[in-house]
Protein backbone atom coordinates (compact mmCIF):
# COMPACT_ATOMS: atom_id res chain seq x y z
CA MET A 1 17.67 -16.62 14.61
CA ASP A 2 18.52 -17.37 11.31
CA PRO A 3 18.09 -14.08 8.83
CA VAL A 4 15.79 -14.68 5.85
CA ILE A 5 17.47 -15.33 2.85
CA ILE A 6 16.30 -13.11 0.12
CA VAL A 7 17.23 -14.11 -3.49
CA GLY A 8 17.57 -11.22 -6.12
CA ALA A 9 18.21 -7.91 -5.81
CA GLY A 10 15.42 -6.04 -8.00
CA PRO A 11 12.79 -3.76 -6.86
CA VAL A 12 10.51 -6.64 -5.13
CA GLY A 13 13.36 -8.23 -3.25
CA LEU A 14 14.97 -4.68 -2.16
CA THR A 15 11.82 -3.59 -1.11
CA LEU A 16 11.23 -6.91 0.54
CA ALA A 17 14.58 -6.61 2.91
CA LEU A 18 13.73 -2.85 3.98
CA ALA A 19 10.12 -3.86 4.49
CA LEU A 20 11.95 -7.10 7.34
CA ALA A 21 14.22 -4.46 8.51
CA ARG A 22 11.80 -1.68 9.53
CA GLN A 23 10.13 -4.81 11.55
CA GLU A 24 13.08 -5.82 12.67
CA VAL A 25 13.99 -8.83 11.00
CA PRO A 26 17.69 -9.46 9.69
CA SER A 27 17.75 -10.78 5.53
CA VAL A 28 20.54 -11.62 3.50
CA VAL A 29 20.16 -10.09 -0.43
CA LEU A 30 21.57 -12.46 -2.68
CA ASP A 31 22.31 -10.22 -5.91
CA GLU A 32 23.94 -12.19 -8.65
CA GLY A 33 25.09 -9.13 -10.41
CA PRO A 34 27.84 -6.17 -9.02
CA GLY A 35 25.35 -4.32 -7.02
CA LYS A 36 24.89 -1.38 -9.24
CA ASP A 37 21.86 -0.85 -12.41
CA GLU A 38 22.69 0.11 -15.28
CA PRO A 39 20.58 3.39 -16.54
CA ARG A 40 18.39 2.19 -18.94
CA LEU A 41 15.79 5.11 -19.64
CA ALA A 42 13.41 2.62 -21.82
CA ARG A 43 12.68 0.50 -18.54
CA SER A 44 10.52 2.57 -16.53
CA VAL A 45 7.56 1.39 -14.01
CA VAL A 46 4.33 3.09 -13.36
CA LEU A 47 3.44 2.98 -9.68
CA ARG A 48 -0.28 3.17 -8.09
CA GLU A 49 -0.75 5.55 -5.29
CA ASP A 50 -0.46 2.58 -2.24
CA THR A 51 2.85 1.05 -4.00
CA ALA A 52 4.25 4.56 -4.10
CA ALA A 53 3.17 5.30 -1.04
CA LEU A 54 4.98 2.21 0.35
CA VAL A 55 8.51 2.64 -1.35
CA GLU A 56 8.60 6.59 0.08
CA ARG A 57 7.79 4.85 3.43
CA LEU A 58 11.02 2.74 3.67
CA THR A 59 13.18 4.93 1.72
CA GLY A 60 12.42 8.08 2.78
CA VAL A 61 12.44 9.63 -0.48
CA PRO A 62 9.93 11.95 -2.71
CA LEU A 63 9.68 9.92 -5.40
CA ALA A 64 8.02 12.74 -7.29
CA GLU A 65 11.45 14.11 -7.13
CA VAL A 66 12.95 11.60 -8.98
CA GLY A 67 10.41 10.28 -11.26
CA VAL A 68 7.05 12.40 -12.53
CA ARG A 69 3.50 12.50 -11.52
CA TRP A 70 1.26 12.83 -14.32
CA ALA A 71 -1.03 16.07 -14.23
CA GLY A 72 -2.99 14.41 -16.82
CA TRP A 73 -4.13 11.53 -19.17
CA ARG A 74 -6.12 11.70 -22.52
CA SER A 75 -6.80 9.02 -24.79
CA LEU A 76 -7.05 9.43 -28.56
CA ARG A 77 -8.74 7.17 -31.62
CA ARG A 78 -7.50 8.46 -35.11
CA LYS A 79 -7.87 12.02 -34.88
CA GLN A 80 -11.04 12.44 -31.90
CA VAL A 81 -9.95 13.09 -28.24
CA MET A 82 -11.90 9.97 -25.99
CA THR A 83 -10.97 11.28 -22.63
CA GLU A 84 -9.37 13.67 -20.83
CA ILE A 85 -8.52 13.28 -17.30
CA THR A 86 -7.04 16.32 -14.77
CA PHE A 87 -5.34 14.22 -11.66
CA GLY A 88 -5.65 16.11 -8.26
CA ASP A 89 -7.42 15.01 -4.74
CA THR A 90 -10.02 12.67 -6.18
CA GLU A 91 -8.26 11.25 -8.69
CA PRO A 92 -4.87 10.09 -7.86
CA ALA A 93 -1.98 10.48 -10.37
CA PRO A 94 0.12 7.59 -11.20
CA LEU A 95 3.69 7.86 -10.38
CA HIS A 96 6.42 7.24 -13.69
CA ILE A 97 9.82 6.68 -12.94
CA ALA A 98 13.09 4.82 -14.25
CA GLN A 99 13.74 1.57 -12.92
CA HIS A 100 17.08 1.99 -12.04
CA VAL A 101 16.29 5.20 -9.91
CA LEU A 102 13.86 3.39 -8.30
CA THR A 103 16.00 0.61 -7.87
CA GLY A 104 18.82 3.19 -6.65
CA ALA A 105 16.63 4.55 -4.09
CA LEU A 106 16.15 1.25 -2.56
CA ARG A 107 19.67 0.35 -2.53
CA ALA A 108 20.65 3.74 -0.83
CA ALA A 109 17.96 2.96 1.57
CA LEU A 110 19.89 -0.22 2.44
CA ALA A 111 23.20 1.03 2.64
CA GLY A 112 22.98 2.37 5.91
CA GLU A 113 20.66 -0.51 7.42
CA ARG A 114 22.15 -2.67 10.34
CA LEU A 115 19.92 -5.89 9.33
CA VAL A 116 20.41 -6.33 5.91
CA LYS A 117 23.41 -7.85 4.12
CA VAL A 118 23.37 -7.65 0.36
CA ALA A 119 25.93 -10.28 -1.22
CA VAL A 120 26.72 -9.72 -4.68
CA ASP A 121 28.02 -11.80 -7.48
CA SER A 122 26.23 -14.50 -5.33
CA ARG A 123 24.20 -17.03 -7.87
CA LEU A 124 22.26 -19.47 -6.09
CA ASP A 125 22.34 -22.92 -7.32
CA THR A 126 21.04 -25.03 -4.26
CA VAL A 127 18.50 -24.95 -1.72
CA GLU A 128 17.52 -27.68 1.15
CA GLN A 129 14.97 -27.48 3.67
CA GLU A 130 14.76 -29.00 7.19
CA PRO A 131 12.27 -28.11 9.72
CA SER A 132 14.41 -25.41 11.89
CA GLY A 133 15.62 -23.70 8.32
CA VAL A 134 16.64 -23.18 4.78
CA THR A 135 20.43 -23.49 3.91
CA ALA A 136 21.41 -22.34 0.77
CA HIS A 137 24.48 -22.17 -1.93
CA THR A 138 25.96 -19.89 -4.35
CA ARG A 139 28.58 -20.07 -6.82
CA GLY A 140 31.33 -18.37 -8.07
CA ALA A 141 34.58 -16.56 -7.04
CA LYS A 142 32.18 -15.63 -3.60
CA GLY A 143 30.98 -19.40 -3.48
CA MET A 144 29.52 -19.85 -0.14
CA TRP A 145 26.78 -21.85 1.87
CA TRP A 146 24.19 -19.57 3.50
CA ARG A 147 21.78 -19.85 6.56
CA GLY A 148 18.48 -19.13 6.97
CA SER A 149 15.12 -19.22 8.63
CA TYR A 150 13.00 -19.05 5.53
CA LEU A 151 14.04 -17.82 1.80
CA VAL A 152 12.07 -15.61 -1.06
CA GLY A 153 12.97 -16.06 -4.29
CA CYS A 154 12.26 -12.43 -6.09
CA ASP A 155 14.52 -13.73 -8.91
CA GLY A 156 12.92 -12.70 -11.79
CA PRO A 157 11.01 -14.66 -14.68
CA ARG A 158 13.67 -17.49 -14.82
CA SER A 159 13.72 -17.76 -11.02
CA THR A 160 15.92 -20.29 -9.88
CA VAL A 161 14.12 -20.59 -7.15
CA ARG A 162 11.21 -21.52 -8.77
CA LYS A 163 13.07 -23.94 -10.49
CA LEU A 164 14.77 -25.86 -7.62
CA GLN A 165 11.42 -25.90 -6.14
CA ASP A 166 10.26 -27.61 -9.26
CA ILE A 167 6.69 -25.40 -8.85
CA ARG A 168 5.44 -25.12 -12.57
CA PHE A 169 4.83 -21.53 -14.35
CA PRO A 170 2.40 -22.23 -16.91
CA GLY A 171 0.42 -19.32 -19.18
CA ARG A 172 0.70 -17.52 -22.39
CA THR A 173 3.90 -16.41 -24.03
CA ALA A 174 4.21 -13.36 -26.02
CA VAL A 175 0.97 -11.81 -25.06
CA GLU A 176 1.86 -8.56 -26.62
CA ARG A 177 4.87 -6.75 -27.66
CA HIS A 178 5.99 -2.81 -27.82
CA ALA A 179 9.08 -1.00 -29.45
CA VAL A 180 10.19 1.07 -26.96
CA ALA A 181 12.31 4.55 -27.30
CA ALA A 182 13.00 7.03 -24.95
CA LEU A 183 13.57 10.45 -25.99
CA ARG A 184 13.99 13.76 -24.94
CA THR A 185 11.66 16.21 -26.80
CA GLU A 186 8.84 18.86 -26.63
CA LEU A 187 5.31 17.84 -26.78
CA PRO A 188 1.96 19.83 -26.81
CA TRP A 189 1.19 18.17 -23.49
CA ALA A 190 3.24 18.89 -20.53
CA ASP A 191 3.46 16.01 -17.92
CA GLN A 192 0.60 14.59 -19.19
CA ALA A 193 0.43 10.86 -20.49
CA LEU A 194 -1.48 9.76 -23.58
CA LEU A 195 -2.21 6.50 -25.54
CA HIS A 196 -2.93 7.10 -29.66
CA ARG A 197 -5.03 4.02 -30.52
CA MET A 198 -5.32 3.93 -35.08
CA PRO A 199 -3.52 6.65 -34.79
CA PRO A 200 -4.40 8.82 -38.71
CA TRP A 201 -0.70 8.56 -40.22
CA ARG A 202 -0.68 4.48 -39.63
CA THR A 203 -2.68 2.47 -42.00
CA SER A 204 -5.69 0.23 -41.25
CA GLY A 205 -4.46 -3.15 -40.24
CA PRO A 206 -3.05 -4.84 -37.46
CA SER A 207 0.17 -2.55 -37.62
CA ALA A 208 -2.27 0.17 -37.15
CA GLY A 209 -2.24 -0.17 -33.17
CA GLU A 210 -1.52 2.43 -31.20
CA VAL A 211 1.54 4.35 -29.17
CA THR A 212 1.57 5.36 -25.66
CA GLY A 213 3.46 8.25 -24.30
CA ARG A 214 4.35 8.60 -20.86
CA PRO A 215 6.89 11.49 -19.42
CA LEU A 216 9.86 10.89 -17.19
CA PRO A 217 11.22 14.08 -15.81
CA ASP A 218 14.00 16.51 -17.45
CA GLY A 219 11.87 16.51 -20.66
CA ILE A 220 12.41 12.81 -21.40
CA TRP A 221 9.27 10.59 -23.16
CA ARG A 222 9.12 6.95 -22.92
CA LEU A 223 7.19 5.57 -25.81
CA ASP A 224 5.53 2.54 -26.72
CA TRP A 225 4.46 1.20 -29.64
CA LEU A 226 2.08 -1.85 -30.15
CA LEU A 227 3.84 -4.38 -32.52
CA PRO A 228 1.56 -6.87 -34.88
CA PRO A 229 1.71 -10.57 -33.39
CA GLY A 230 4.92 -12.60 -34.74
CA LYS A 231 8.51 -12.54 -33.92
CA ASP A 232 9.38 -9.63 -37.27
CA LEU A 233 12.64 -7.74 -36.58
CA VAL A 234 12.35 -4.30 -35.19
CA THR A 235 15.30 -2.80 -36.94
CA PRO A 236 16.43 0.54 -35.74
CA GLU A 237 15.61 2.20 -38.98
CA LEU A 238 11.98 1.05 -38.12
CA LEU A 239 12.22 2.65 -34.68
CA VAL A 240 13.65 5.77 -36.15
CA ALA A 241 10.84 5.89 -38.48
CA ARG A 242 8.06 5.29 -35.48
CA VAL A 243 9.91 8.27 -33.60
CA ARG A 244 10.06 10.60 -36.41
CA GLU A 245 6.27 9.93 -37.38
CA THR A 246 4.91 9.85 -34.10
CA LEU A 247 6.10 13.28 -32.97
CA ALA A 248 5.01 14.83 -36.52
CA GLY A 249 1.62 13.45 -35.84
CA TRP A 250 1.65 14.78 -32.31
CA THR A 251 2.69 18.41 -33.10
CA GLY A 252 1.29 18.45 -36.34
CA SER A 253 3.80 19.77 -38.15
CA SER A 254 7.88 18.32 -39.52
CA THR A 255 9.57 16.18 -37.12
CA PRO A 256 10.58 18.48 -33.86
CA PRO A 257 14.06 18.38 -32.39
CA TYR A 258 14.54 15.41 -30.30
CA GLU A 259 17.65 13.25 -28.61
CA LEU A 260 16.94 9.65 -28.71
CA LEU A 261 18.44 8.17 -25.20
CA ASP A 262 17.56 4.33 -25.49
CA THR A 263 15.77 1.65 -26.92
CA GLY A 264 14.53 -1.53 -26.62
CA VAL A 265 11.52 -4.29 -27.32
CA HIS A 266 9.46 -5.16 -24.64
CA THR A 267 7.70 -8.57 -24.72
CA VAL A 268 4.81 -9.18 -22.21
CA HIS A 269 4.03 -12.75 -20.83
CA HIS A 270 0.97 -13.51 -19.20
CA ARG A 271 1.95 -16.36 -16.23
CA LEU A 272 1.22 -17.25 -12.68
CA ALA A 273 3.13 -20.05 -10.56
CA ARG A 274 1.10 -22.87 -9.43
CA ARG A 275 2.25 -22.35 -5.75
CA TRP A 276 3.81 -19.44 -4.11
CA ARG A 277 4.97 -21.36 -0.95
CA ALA A 278 7.26 -24.47 -0.66
CA GLY A 279 7.96 -25.11 3.01
CA ARG A 280 10.20 -22.00 4.35
CA VAL A 281 10.63 -20.94 0.90
CA PHE A 282 8.13 -18.49 -0.49
CA LEU A 283 7.74 -16.77 -4.50
CA ALA A 284 7.40 -13.14 -4.87
CA GLY A 285 7.26 -11.16 -7.89
CA ASP A 286 8.37 -12.04 -11.46
CA ALA A 287 9.18 -15.18 -9.88
CA ALA A 288 5.77 -15.80 -8.78
CA HIS A 289 3.59 -14.33 -11.61
CA LEU A 290 4.10 -12.38 -15.35
CA LEU A 291 1.42 -9.61 -16.42
CA GLY A 292 1.50 -6.30 -17.93
CA ALA A 293 -0.71 -6.25 -21.28
CA LEU A 294 -3.36 -3.60 -21.87
CA GLY A 295 -1.30 -1.13 -19.79
CA THR A 296 -1.10 -2.86 -16.41
CA GLN A 297 2.31 -2.88 -14.08
CA GLY A 298 3.47 -6.26 -13.25
CA LEU A 299 5.74 -4.21 -10.51
CA ASP A 300 2.93 -3.04 -8.49
CA GLU A 301 1.97 -6.68 -8.17
CA GLY A 302 5.74 -7.43 -6.95
CA LEU A 303 5.68 -4.46 -4.41
CA SER A 304 2.16 -5.62 -2.97
CA ASP A 305 3.45 -9.47 -2.97
CA ALA A 306 6.66 -8.09 -0.50
CA ASP A 307 4.34 -5.89 1.91
CA ASN A 308 1.78 -8.91 1.64
CA LEU A 309 4.84 -11.23 2.83
CA ALA A 310 6.74 -9.26 5.19
CA TRP A 311 4.99 -8.75 8.23
CA LYS A 312 3.77 -12.07 8.25
CA LEU A 313 7.28 -13.55 7.99
CA ALA A 314 8.29 -10.77 10.69
CA LEU A 315 5.44 -12.31 13.02
CA ALA A 316 6.81 -16.06 12.04
CA TRP A 317 10.39 -15.00 12.61
CA HIS A 318 9.19 -13.19 16.00
CA HIS A 319 7.13 -15.07 17.70
CA GLY A 320 7.53 -18.86 15.66
CA PRO A 321 5.39 -20.70 12.78
CA HIS A 322 2.50 -18.96 12.31
CA GLU A 323 1.10 -22.02 9.72
CA ALA A 324 -1.71 -20.27 8.65
CA LEU A 325 -0.63 -16.87 8.45
CA LEU A 326 2.15 -17.66 5.90
CA ASP A 327 -0.38 -20.05 3.98
CA SER A 328 -2.75 -17.02 3.65
CA TYR A 329 0.05 -14.89 1.71
CA GLN A 330 -0.31 -17.21 -1.35
CA ALA A 331 -4.52 -17.48 -0.67
CA GLU A 332 -4.63 -13.94 -1.00
CA ARG A 333 -1.76 -13.07 -3.02
CA ARG A 334 -2.31 -15.44 -5.90
CA ALA A 335 -5.75 -15.02 -6.02
CA VAL A 336 -5.79 -11.29 -6.88
CA VAL A 337 -3.28 -11.55 -9.51
CA ALA A 338 -5.49 -14.97 -10.89
CA ALA A 339 -8.27 -12.54 -11.34
CA ARG A 340 -5.94 -10.00 -13.07
CA LEU A 341 -5.08 -12.20 -15.49
CA ARG A 342 -8.31 -13.62 -15.74
CA ALA A 343 -9.75 -10.37 -16.69
CA ALA A 344 -7.13 -9.44 -19.30
CA ASP A 345 -7.64 -12.47 -20.85
CA GLN A 346 -11.29 -12.03 -21.45
CA VAL A 347 -10.69 -8.30 -22.43
CA LEU A 348 -7.56 -9.31 -25.16
CA PRO A 349 -9.90 -10.99 -27.69
CA LEU A 350 -12.24 -7.88 -27.64
CA LEU A 351 -9.11 -5.05 -27.85
CA ARG A 352 -6.68 -6.71 -30.34
CA GLY A 353 -9.32 -8.79 -32.05
CA GLY A 354 -8.47 -7.11 -35.53
CA GLY A 355 -12.14 -5.13 -35.54
CA GLY A 356 -14.37 -6.92 -37.72
CA LEU A 357 -18.46 -6.08 -37.02
CA ARG A 358 -17.40 -5.18 -33.58
CA ALA A 359 -15.62 -2.40 -34.55
CA TYR A 360 -18.68 -0.87 -36.19
CA VAL A 361 -20.84 -1.17 -32.96
CA PRO A 362 -22.30 2.30 -31.54
CA GLY A 363 -20.21 2.97 -28.64
CA ALA A 364 -17.48 0.34 -29.04
CA ALA A 365 -14.81 2.75 -29.11
CA ARG A 366 -15.33 4.74 -26.33
CA GLY A 367 -16.03 1.27 -24.35
CA HIS A 368 -12.53 -0.02 -25.59
CA ASP A 369 -11.25 3.34 -24.31
CA ALA A 370 -12.20 2.37 -20.76
CA LEU A 371 -11.25 -1.31 -20.67
CA LEU A 372 -7.37 0.17 -21.58
CA LEU A 373 -8.09 2.84 -19.08
CA ASP A 374 -8.41 0.65 -16.47
CA GLY A 375 -4.71 -0.78 -16.90
CA HIS A 376 -3.02 2.72 -17.88
CA LEU A 377 -4.32 4.13 -14.76
CA GLY A 378 -4.97 1.41 -11.88
CA ARG A 379 -8.69 1.21 -11.99
CA GLY A 380 -11.54 -1.83 -12.54
CA PRO A 381 -10.55 -5.62 -12.76
CA LEU A 382 -7.28 -4.85 -14.80
CA GLY A 383 -5.73 -2.71 -12.56
CA GLU A 384 -7.02 -1.77 -9.10
CA PRO A 385 -5.18 -2.34 -5.89
CA GLY A 386 -6.17 -5.82 -4.85
CA ALA A 387 -8.31 -6.53 -1.97
CA TYR A 388 -8.65 -9.81 -0.38
CA ALA A 389 -12.38 -9.70 0.34
CA ASP A 390 -12.34 -13.80 0.70
CA SER A 391 -9.00 -14.20 2.89
CA PRO A 392 -8.27 -17.08 5.27
CA LEU A 393 -7.66 -14.14 7.73
CA ALA A 394 -11.25 -12.88 7.49
CA PRO A 395 -12.80 -12.70 11.09
CA PRO A 396 -15.92 -14.62 12.01
CA HIS A 397 -19.23 -12.82 11.63
CA LEU A 398 -19.37 -9.88 14.13
CA ASP A 399 -22.64 -8.29 15.38
CA ALA A 400 -20.97 -5.11 15.73
CA GLU A 401 -19.71 -4.86 12.48
CA VAL A 402 -20.68 -1.57 10.56
CA PRO A 403 -19.81 -0.76 6.44
CA VAL A 404 -17.68 1.87 5.78
CA ASP A 405 -16.63 3.11 2.43
CA THR A 406 -13.75 0.67 2.60
CA PRO A 407 -14.96 -2.86 2.28
CA PRO A 408 -13.06 -5.47 4.59
CA GLY A 409 -10.06 -6.76 2.56
CA ALA A 410 -9.62 -3.27 0.63
CA GLN A 411 -6.71 -0.81 1.30
CA VAL A 412 -7.78 1.78 3.70
CA ALA A 413 -8.15 5.64 2.89
CA ASP A 414 -5.03 7.49 3.63
CA VAL A 415 -6.58 9.86 6.04
CA ARG A 416 -5.00 12.53 9.26
CA VAL A 417 -4.87 10.78 12.40
CA THR A 418 -3.44 11.48 15.94
CA ALA A 419 -0.81 9.30 16.99
CA GLU A 420 -0.54 8.11 20.49
CA ASP A 421 2.02 10.82 21.57
CA GLY A 422 -0.22 13.54 20.37
CA SER A 423 1.41 13.76 17.12
CA PHE A 424 -0.76 14.50 13.91
CA VAL A 425 0.25 12.25 10.96
CA ARG A 426 -0.91 10.36 7.86
CA LEU A 427 -2.56 6.90 8.79
CA GLN A 428 -0.28 5.47 5.94
CA ASP A 429 3.01 6.96 7.82
CA ARG A 430 1.94 4.05 10.58
CA LEU A 431 1.93 1.54 8.16
CA GLY A 432 4.39 -1.08 7.96
CA ARG A 433 5.54 -1.69 11.41
CA GLY A 434 4.51 -4.67 12.21
CA ALA A 435 1.68 -3.82 14.73
CA LEU A 436 -1.93 -3.77 14.11
CA LEU A 437 -3.74 -0.39 13.59
CA VAL A 438 -6.60 0.42 16.09
CA VAL A 439 -8.49 3.70 14.67
CA LEU A 440 -10.89 5.38 16.70
CA VAL A 441 -13.16 7.75 14.72
CA ALA A 442 -13.84 10.51 16.92
CA PRO A 443 -15.27 13.98 15.39
CA GLY A 444 -14.15 17.11 17.56
CA THR A 445 -11.12 15.89 18.61
CA GLY A 446 -8.63 17.49 16.44
CA VAL A 447 -8.91 20.93 18.00
CA TRP A 448 -7.88 19.52 21.45
CA GLU A 449 -4.92 18.80 22.87
CA ARG A 450 -4.40 14.79 23.44
CA LYS A 451 -4.40 15.38 27.21
CA HIS A 452 -7.79 16.79 27.20
CA TRP A 453 -9.61 13.74 25.65
CA VAL A 454 -7.37 10.63 25.98
CA THR A 455 -9.00 9.73 29.32
CA ALA A 456 -12.14 11.36 28.53
CA GLY A 457 -15.51 9.05 27.29
CA ILE A 458 -14.82 5.61 25.66
CA MET A 459 -11.05 6.28 25.34
CA PRO A 460 -9.93 4.30 28.24
CA ARG A 461 -11.99 1.46 27.57
CA LEU A 462 -10.86 1.32 23.63
CA ALA A 463 -7.37 1.86 25.16
CA ALA A 464 -7.70 -1.10 27.66
CA ALA A 465 -8.89 -3.30 24.79
CA VAL A 466 -6.30 -2.18 22.99
CA THR A 467 -3.52 -3.83 24.96
CA ALA A 468 -5.30 -7.05 25.83
CA LEU A 469 -5.07 -8.06 22.05
CA PRO A 470 -3.08 -10.94 20.81
CA HIS A 471 -0.36 -8.83 19.02
CA PRO A 472 1.07 -5.46 19.38
CA ALA A 473 -1.13 -2.36 18.68
CA GLU A 474 -1.28 1.48 17.98
CA LEU A 475 -3.85 2.86 19.03
CA LEU A 476 -4.89 6.56 16.38
CA VAL A 477 -7.51 8.62 16.70
CA ALA A 478 -9.06 10.04 13.20
CA GLU A 479 -11.29 13.00 12.98
CA SER A 480 -13.29 11.20 10.00
CA TYR A 481 -13.06 8.39 7.98
CA PRO A 482 -15.03 7.97 4.68
CA GLY A 483 -18.50 6.30 5.36
CA ALA A 484 -17.65 6.12 9.24
CA ALA A 485 -20.20 7.26 11.62
CA ALA A 486 -19.02 8.68 14.90
CA HIS A 487 -16.99 6.19 17.07
CA THR A 488 -16.92 3.44 14.82
CA VAL A 489 -13.48 1.30 15.22
CA LEU A 490 -11.71 0.32 12.78
CA LEU A 491 -8.76 -2.71 12.58
CA VAL A 492 -6.27 -2.36 10.23
CA ARG A 493 -3.56 -4.57 9.09
CA PRO A 494 0.11 -3.78 9.02
CA ASP A 495 0.10 -3.70 5.46
CA GLY A 496 -2.58 -1.41 5.48
CA HIS A 497 -5.86 -3.78 4.33
CA LEU A 498 -8.71 -3.25 6.19
CA VAL A 499 -9.78 -6.18 8.95
CA THR A 500 -13.05 -4.72 10.05
CA ALA A 501 -15.20 -1.82 10.90
CA LEU A 502 -17.02 -2.05 14.39
CA ASN A 503 -19.82 0.07 15.76
CA GLY A 504 -18.19 1.49 19.09
CA VAL A 505 -15.76 -0.49 21.72
CA ARG A 506 -16.41 -3.94 21.73
CA PRO A 507 -13.26 -5.84 23.26
CA ALA A 508 -14.35 -9.24 22.53
CA ASP A 509 -15.16 -8.81 18.49
CA LEU A 510 -12.09 -6.64 18.60
CA TYR A 511 -9.98 -9.56 19.99
CA ALA A 512 -11.91 -12.07 17.99
CA ALA A 513 -10.77 -10.13 14.96
CA ALA A 514 -7.67 -9.79 15.56
CA GLU A 515 -6.67 -12.68 16.58
CA ALA A 516 -8.21 -14.35 12.99
CA THR A 517 -5.80 -11.76 11.48
CA LEU A 518 -2.99 -13.39 13.04
CA GLY A 519 -3.99 -16.52 11.53
CA GLY A 520 -6.50 -18.01 14.50
CA PRO A 521 -10.24 -18.91 14.36
CA THR A 522 -11.60 -17.57 10.84
CA ARG A 523 -15.09 -16.70 9.77
CA ALA A 524 -15.16 -20.48 8.29
CA GLU A 525 -14.34 -22.07 11.35
CA ALA A 526 -16.27 -20.00 13.82
CA THR A 527 -18.96 -20.97 12.00
CA ALA A 528 -18.62 -24.84 11.46
CA GLY A 529 -18.15 -24.45 15.04
CA SER A 530 -21.00 -23.33 15.95
CA VAL A 531 -23.00 -25.71 13.53
CA SER A 532 -20.80 -28.62 15.26
CA THR A 533 -22.21 -27.24 18.66
């Protein structure tokens, strides 16, 4: 069967190629550039715990060694500290990394991947579809035709794939603008990120704005200043003045020594493609959505797109088209991003409205700080990982379903599990292999060798039920899981989202849930069937 064609060699396209390769699906990555990325320290990304784990799983690179996991976070308003957070086990730390370093790690992982071909200097200009596959043409010195089973446009905001499929991309332009500087200096908060609203060295009014400081390795900081609305030119003199006054304000003295390494202007747009699938063509990342106001991170959503789509394309590639399963990519991912954009649109007038009487309402400042915290730290409607509670893949109502701390459709907690070979691994390490995961919660098994309990109690019956599922599945055993009682059985998708939790071994219910996860009878269809009966 023909490979999957991936248009675009940014982090999303490279992640998708690696994720497909892990599931034995070949791909061709069409890179319109030379195959390497210009080092730009003013272009960096913040990754949530789940997306950082995804990249680490695919590349084998501990990202904390090439980026920075923040030790803490502080929010200030004028001279007052509003919030201080220390990250640890109960509060996972976001990871801050230069984008070219992230892309470099992905490219290095792809270099030894036999199932991925990267075609540099290949600019797409034609896409043709037929029932059996997709044909794409690239122009230039290496212009040629490419044949694929599916095609995924990961080619950014000006996506050629999106335009060739005539998919609209409505939304808002220049929602926010930020002046950006990357510099090497010493600040009072080692490895701590901070957000300073209305700093006292700035005059009042819309230009007072806010400044964010995020640490990178080797004593480097990325500073972002929110700019007032408009298209005023950000001159080098203006940027240097902002750097000097900010550093002096934070250190409480004259401007400390610093080395300016990179500068830029970051403009945030909010857009959402009308469709994310057109036959055998899909959109992912910035080609499908743009967001980023109020500290939210668009790349997080793009990596989640790749994670969601990879296992579905792999199943269709290996076993033939599963239309309901492929359609669920748009239904799940577009709903999550749309909710994020709606939340930002609701909050923006409150936070960027210029003050007025609302600024003097008791508690307003702390409320605003909490909203910004959501975006910057990946919490709440603005930033938390997406859940697929209303997914078309949700199974029918199951009598044996029980609640755990993870709601159905949300990302599972990363607990230690015993694999089928008796080794202890993290649950997160078993994701992304194309198999469903069945996790039995069995307290006490961790202290016994696997041979002593694998044939005892409910294990043989559960193992038989797992073998009978309509898709390959791996059986894992956990000592505990948050909110789960002993003998709870969890069904987990290949991308780590919980399908259901069952009270004990229920082969029929487990099969029904797995079948729905693969695009079979869903909750709505099962309900309609019982009504008609």
